[in-house]
Structure formats: structure tokens, C-alpha cells
Amino acid sequence: MEQIFIDRFIMPQNAKAEFTERMQINRSFIKQLPGFIGDEAYERTDEEGNFICVTIAIWASGEALKNAKELVQAEYQQQGFNLPAMLQRLDISMERGQYNRFSN
């Protein structure tokens, strides 16, 4: 069963450029991984002027998503990239979840 991985990021406008650059690196990487089906990204600015970004990645199965998470973490280690540190430094909050398609 397909798995949908959704992240929602909220940040001050001054974090947008660095965040967007990092997001593009990550999106390019995951598109090469086994089980990747597709992704999308959406953005808006809220009433307080914060930048909000929602990313959606669709994976062929729970196993494909699990493997992708492990490969992303290994890639981060190789790059010397620390996601929690970047989020903290740029004052970015993140909500993350794994979803299934809704069926009636």
C-alpha cells in the first residue's frame, strides 16, 4: 500500500532561502531512491508573515519509505548535515506524519 509522507514547516521569512535550498537538495536525492513515486511542495505566508511550506512524498510501500528514511539519514551523515540543528538555528518548526490514502 502506498505511503504518503507529509512535512509541514513554519519559519520566519529570513529562513526561506536557506530552507528552500536544502529542500531542493533533499527532493533531488529522494527522487532517485527505490520505491519513490512522486512528490509535491506547497507554500504560503501566514498572517504573521511566516513562511509555511508543506512537502508531500509518495512511496510505493511502508518498506520503501522506511528504507528511504535510512538512506536519507546516511546521506545527511555523509554531507555533515544536521537537520535538527538547522531547524533550531533558523527557528523552524516541523510537523511530520506518515499517511495512507483516505478511502470511503
C-alpha atoms as a PDB file:
ATOM      1  CA  MET A   1       0.000   0.000   0.000  1.00  0.00           C
ATOM      2  CA  GLU A   2       1.317   3.442  -0.907  1.00  0.00           C
ATOM      3  CA  GLN A   3       2.609   5.580   1.934  1.00  0.00           C
ATOM      4  CA  ILE A   4       2.400   9.354   1.904  1.00  0.00           C
ATOM      5  CA  PHE A   5       4.982  11.249   3.927  1.00  0.00           C
ATOM      6  CA  ILE A   6       3.941  14.826   4.731  1.00  0.00           C
ATOM      7  CA  ASP A   7       6.067  17.513   6.372  1.00  0.00           C
ATOM      8  CA  ARG A   8       4.832  20.969   7.368  1.00  0.00           C
ATOM      9  CA  PHE A   9       7.422  23.632   8.143  1.00  0.00           C
ATOM     10  CA  ILE A  10       6.758  27.066   9.659  1.00  0.00           C
ATOM     11  CA  MET A  11       9.562  29.625   9.705  1.00  0.00           C
ATOM     12  CA  PRO A  12      10.386  33.301   9.648  1.00  0.00           C
ATOM     13  CA  GLN A  13      10.797  34.774   6.157  1.00  0.00           C
ATOM     14  CA  ASN A  14      14.551  35.215   6.664  1.00  0.00           C
ATOM     15  CA  ALA A  15      14.933  31.407   6.832  1.00  0.00           C
ATOM     16  CA  LYS A  16      13.180  30.799   3.500  1.00  0.00           C
ATOM     17  CA  ALA A  17      16.217  30.940   1.180  1.00  0.00           C
ATOM     18  CA  GLU A  18      18.387  28.503   3.141  1.00  0.00           C
ATOM     19  CA  PHE A  19      15.454  26.204   3.821  1.00  0.00           C
ATOM     20  CA  THR A  20      14.429  26.167   0.154  1.00  0.00           C
ATOM     21  CA  GLU A  21      17.966  25.358  -0.967  1.00  0.00           C
ATOM     22  CA  ARG A  22      18.136  22.429   1.463  1.00  0.00           C
ATOM     23  CA  MET A  23      14.664  21.223   0.452  1.00  0.00           C
ATOM     24  CA  GLN A  24      15.714  21.113  -3.214  1.00  0.00           C
ATOM     25  CA  ILE A  25      18.813  19.055  -2.335  1.00  0.00           C
ATOM     26  CA  ASN A  26      16.647  16.590  -0.435  1.00  0.00           C
ATOM     27  CA  ARG A  27      13.955  16.381  -3.117  1.00  0.00           C
ATOM     28  CA  SER A  28      16.589  15.683  -5.788  1.00  0.00           C
ATOM     29  CA  PHE A  29      18.073  12.912  -3.649  1.00  0.00           C
ATOM     30  CA  ILE A  30      14.827  11.104  -2.801  1.00  0.00           C
ATOM     31  CA  LYS A  31      13.681  11.058  -6.431  1.00  0.00           C
ATOM     32  CA  GLN A  32      16.478   8.554  -7.124  1.00  0.00           C
ATOM     33  CA  LEU A  33      15.538   6.127  -4.344  1.00  0.00           C
ATOM     34  CA  PRO A  34      13.767   2.779  -4.858  1.00  0.00           C
ATOM     35  CA  GLY A  35      10.025   2.957  -4.284  1.00  0.00           C
ATOM     36  CA  PHE A  36       9.746   6.710  -4.857  1.00  0.00           C
ATOM     37  CA  ILE A  37       6.541   7.553  -6.764  1.00  0.00           C
ATOM     38  CA  GLY A  38       6.297  11.335  -6.653  1.00  0.00           C
ATOM     39  CA  ASP A  39       6.451  14.496  -4.601  1.00  0.00           C
ATOM     40  CA  GLU A  40       4.983  17.955  -4.368  1.00  0.00           C
ATOM     41  CA  ALA A  41       5.666  21.104  -2.375  1.00  0.00           C
ATOM     42  CA  TYR A  42       3.299  23.906  -1.441  1.00  0.00           C
ATOM     43  CA  GLU A  43       3.935  27.286   0.146  1.00  0.00           C
ATOM     44  CA  ARG A  44       2.105  30.211   1.671  1.00  0.00           C
ATOM     45  CA  THR A  45       2.666  33.132   4.011  1.00  0.00           C
ATOM     46  CA  ASP A  46       0.558  33.297   7.161  1.00  0.00           C
ATOM     47  CA  GLU A  47      -0.999  36.326   8.848  1.00  0.00           C
ATOM     48  CA  GLU A  48       2.151  36.961  10.924  1.00  0.00           C
ATOM     49  CA  GLY A  49       4.380  36.918   7.835  1.00  0.00           C
ATOM     50  CA  ASN A  50       5.823  33.442   8.464  1.00  0.00           C
ATOM     51  CA  PHE A  51       6.721  31.251   5.518  1.00  0.00           C
ATOM     52  CA  ILE A  52       4.894  27.911   5.572  1.00  0.00           C
ATOM     53  CA  CYS A  53       5.924  25.001   3.378  1.00  0.00           C
ATOM     54  CA  VAL A  54       4.238  21.620   3.037  1.00  0.00           C
ATOM     55  CA  THR A  55       6.056  18.796   1.285  1.00  0.00           C
ATOM     56  CA  ILE A  56       4.472  15.522   0.227  1.00  0.00           C
ATOM     57  CA  ALA A  57       6.381  12.437  -0.887  1.00  0.00           C
ATOM     58  CA  ILE A  58       4.603   9.309  -2.082  1.00  0.00           C
ATOM     59  CA  TRP A  59       6.262   5.931  -1.636  1.00  0.00           C
ATOM     60  CA  ALA A  60       5.298   2.546  -3.051  1.00  0.00           C
ATOM     61  CA  SER A  61       5.074   0.901   0.387  1.00  0.00           C
ATOM     62  CA  GLY A  62       5.850   1.280   4.064  1.00  0.00           C
ATOM     63  CA  GLU A  63       9.048  -0.672   3.471  1.00  0.00           C
ATOM     64  CA  ALA A  64      10.128   1.705   0.688  1.00  0.00           C
ATOM     65  CA  LEU A  65       9.512   4.673   2.997  1.00  0.00           C
ATOM     66  CA  LYS A  66      11.428   3.033   5.850  1.00  0.00           C
ATOM     67  CA  ASN A  67      14.386   2.340   3.550  1.00  0.00           C
ATOM     68  CA  ALA A  68      14.248   5.882   2.160  1.00  0.00           C
ATOM     69  CA  LYS A  69      14.395   7.363   5.666  1.00  0.00           C
ATOM     70  CA  GLU A  70      17.506   5.277   6.403  1.00  0.00           C
ATOM     71  CA  LEU A  71      19.153   6.300   3.126  1.00  0.00           C
ATOM     72  CA  VAL A  72      18.366   9.977   3.734  1.00  0.00           C
ATOM     73  CA  GLN A  73      19.912   9.788   7.201  1.00  0.00           C
ATOM     74  CA  ALA A  74      23.029   8.119   5.772  1.00  0.00           C
ATOM     75  CA  GLU A  75      23.249  10.848   3.113  1.00  0.00           C
ATOM     76  CA  TYR A  76      22.916  13.548   5.781  1.00  0.00           C
ATOM     77  CA  GLN A  77      25.781  11.947   7.727  1.00  0.00           C
ATOM     78  CA  GLN A  78      27.944  11.822   4.613  1.00  0.00           C
ATOM     79  CA  GLN A  79      27.213  15.502   3.920  1.00  0.00           C
ATOM     80  CA  GLY A  80      27.744  16.510   7.547  1.00  0.00           C
ATOM     81  CA  PHE A  81      24.204  17.890   7.604  1.00  0.00           C
ATOM     82  CA  ASN A  82      22.277  18.057  10.883  1.00  0.00           C
ATOM     83  CA  LEU A  83      18.562  18.686  10.301  1.00  0.00           C
ATOM     84  CA  PRO A  84      17.593  19.320  13.957  1.00  0.00           C
ATOM     85  CA  ALA A  85      20.427  21.844  14.292  1.00  0.00           C
ATOM     86  CA  MET A  86      19.330  23.686  11.135  1.00  0.00           C
ATOM     87  CA  LEU A  87      15.718  23.780  12.289  1.00  0.00           C
ATOM     88  CA  GLN A  88      16.746  25.182  15.654  1.00  0.00           C
ATOM     89  CA  ARG A  89      19.185  27.721  14.207  1.00  0.00           C
ATOM     90  CA  LEU A  90      16.636  29.056  11.717  1.00  0.00           C
ATOM     91  CA  ASP A  91      13.702  28.907  14.185  1.00  0.00           C
ATOM     92  CA  ILE A  92      11.779  26.430  12.018  1.00  0.00           C
ATOM     93  CA  SER A  93       9.042  24.261  13.486  1.00  0.00           C
ATOM     94  CA  MET A  94       8.247  20.973  11.790  1.00  0.00           C
ATOM     95  CA  GLU A  95       5.260  18.664  11.900  1.00  0.00           C
ATOM     96  CA  ARG A  96       5.835  15.287  10.265  1.00  0.00           C
ATOM     97  CA  GLY A  97       3.493  12.419   9.557  1.00  0.00           C
ATOM     98  CA  GLN A  98       3.046   9.241   7.588  1.00  0.00           C
ATOM     99  CA  TYR A  99      -0.340   8.819   5.938  1.00  0.00           C
ATOM    100  CA  ASN A 100      -2.373   6.358   3.906  1.00  0.00           C
ATOM    101  CA  ARG A 101      -4.768   7.402   1.154  1.00  0.00           C
ATOM    102  CA  PHE A 102      -8.250   8.042   2.528  1.00  0.00           C
ATOM    103  CA  SER A 103     -10.793   5.504   1.393  1.00  0.00           C
ATOM    104  CA  ASN A 104     -14.560   5.714   1.831  1.00  0.00           C
END
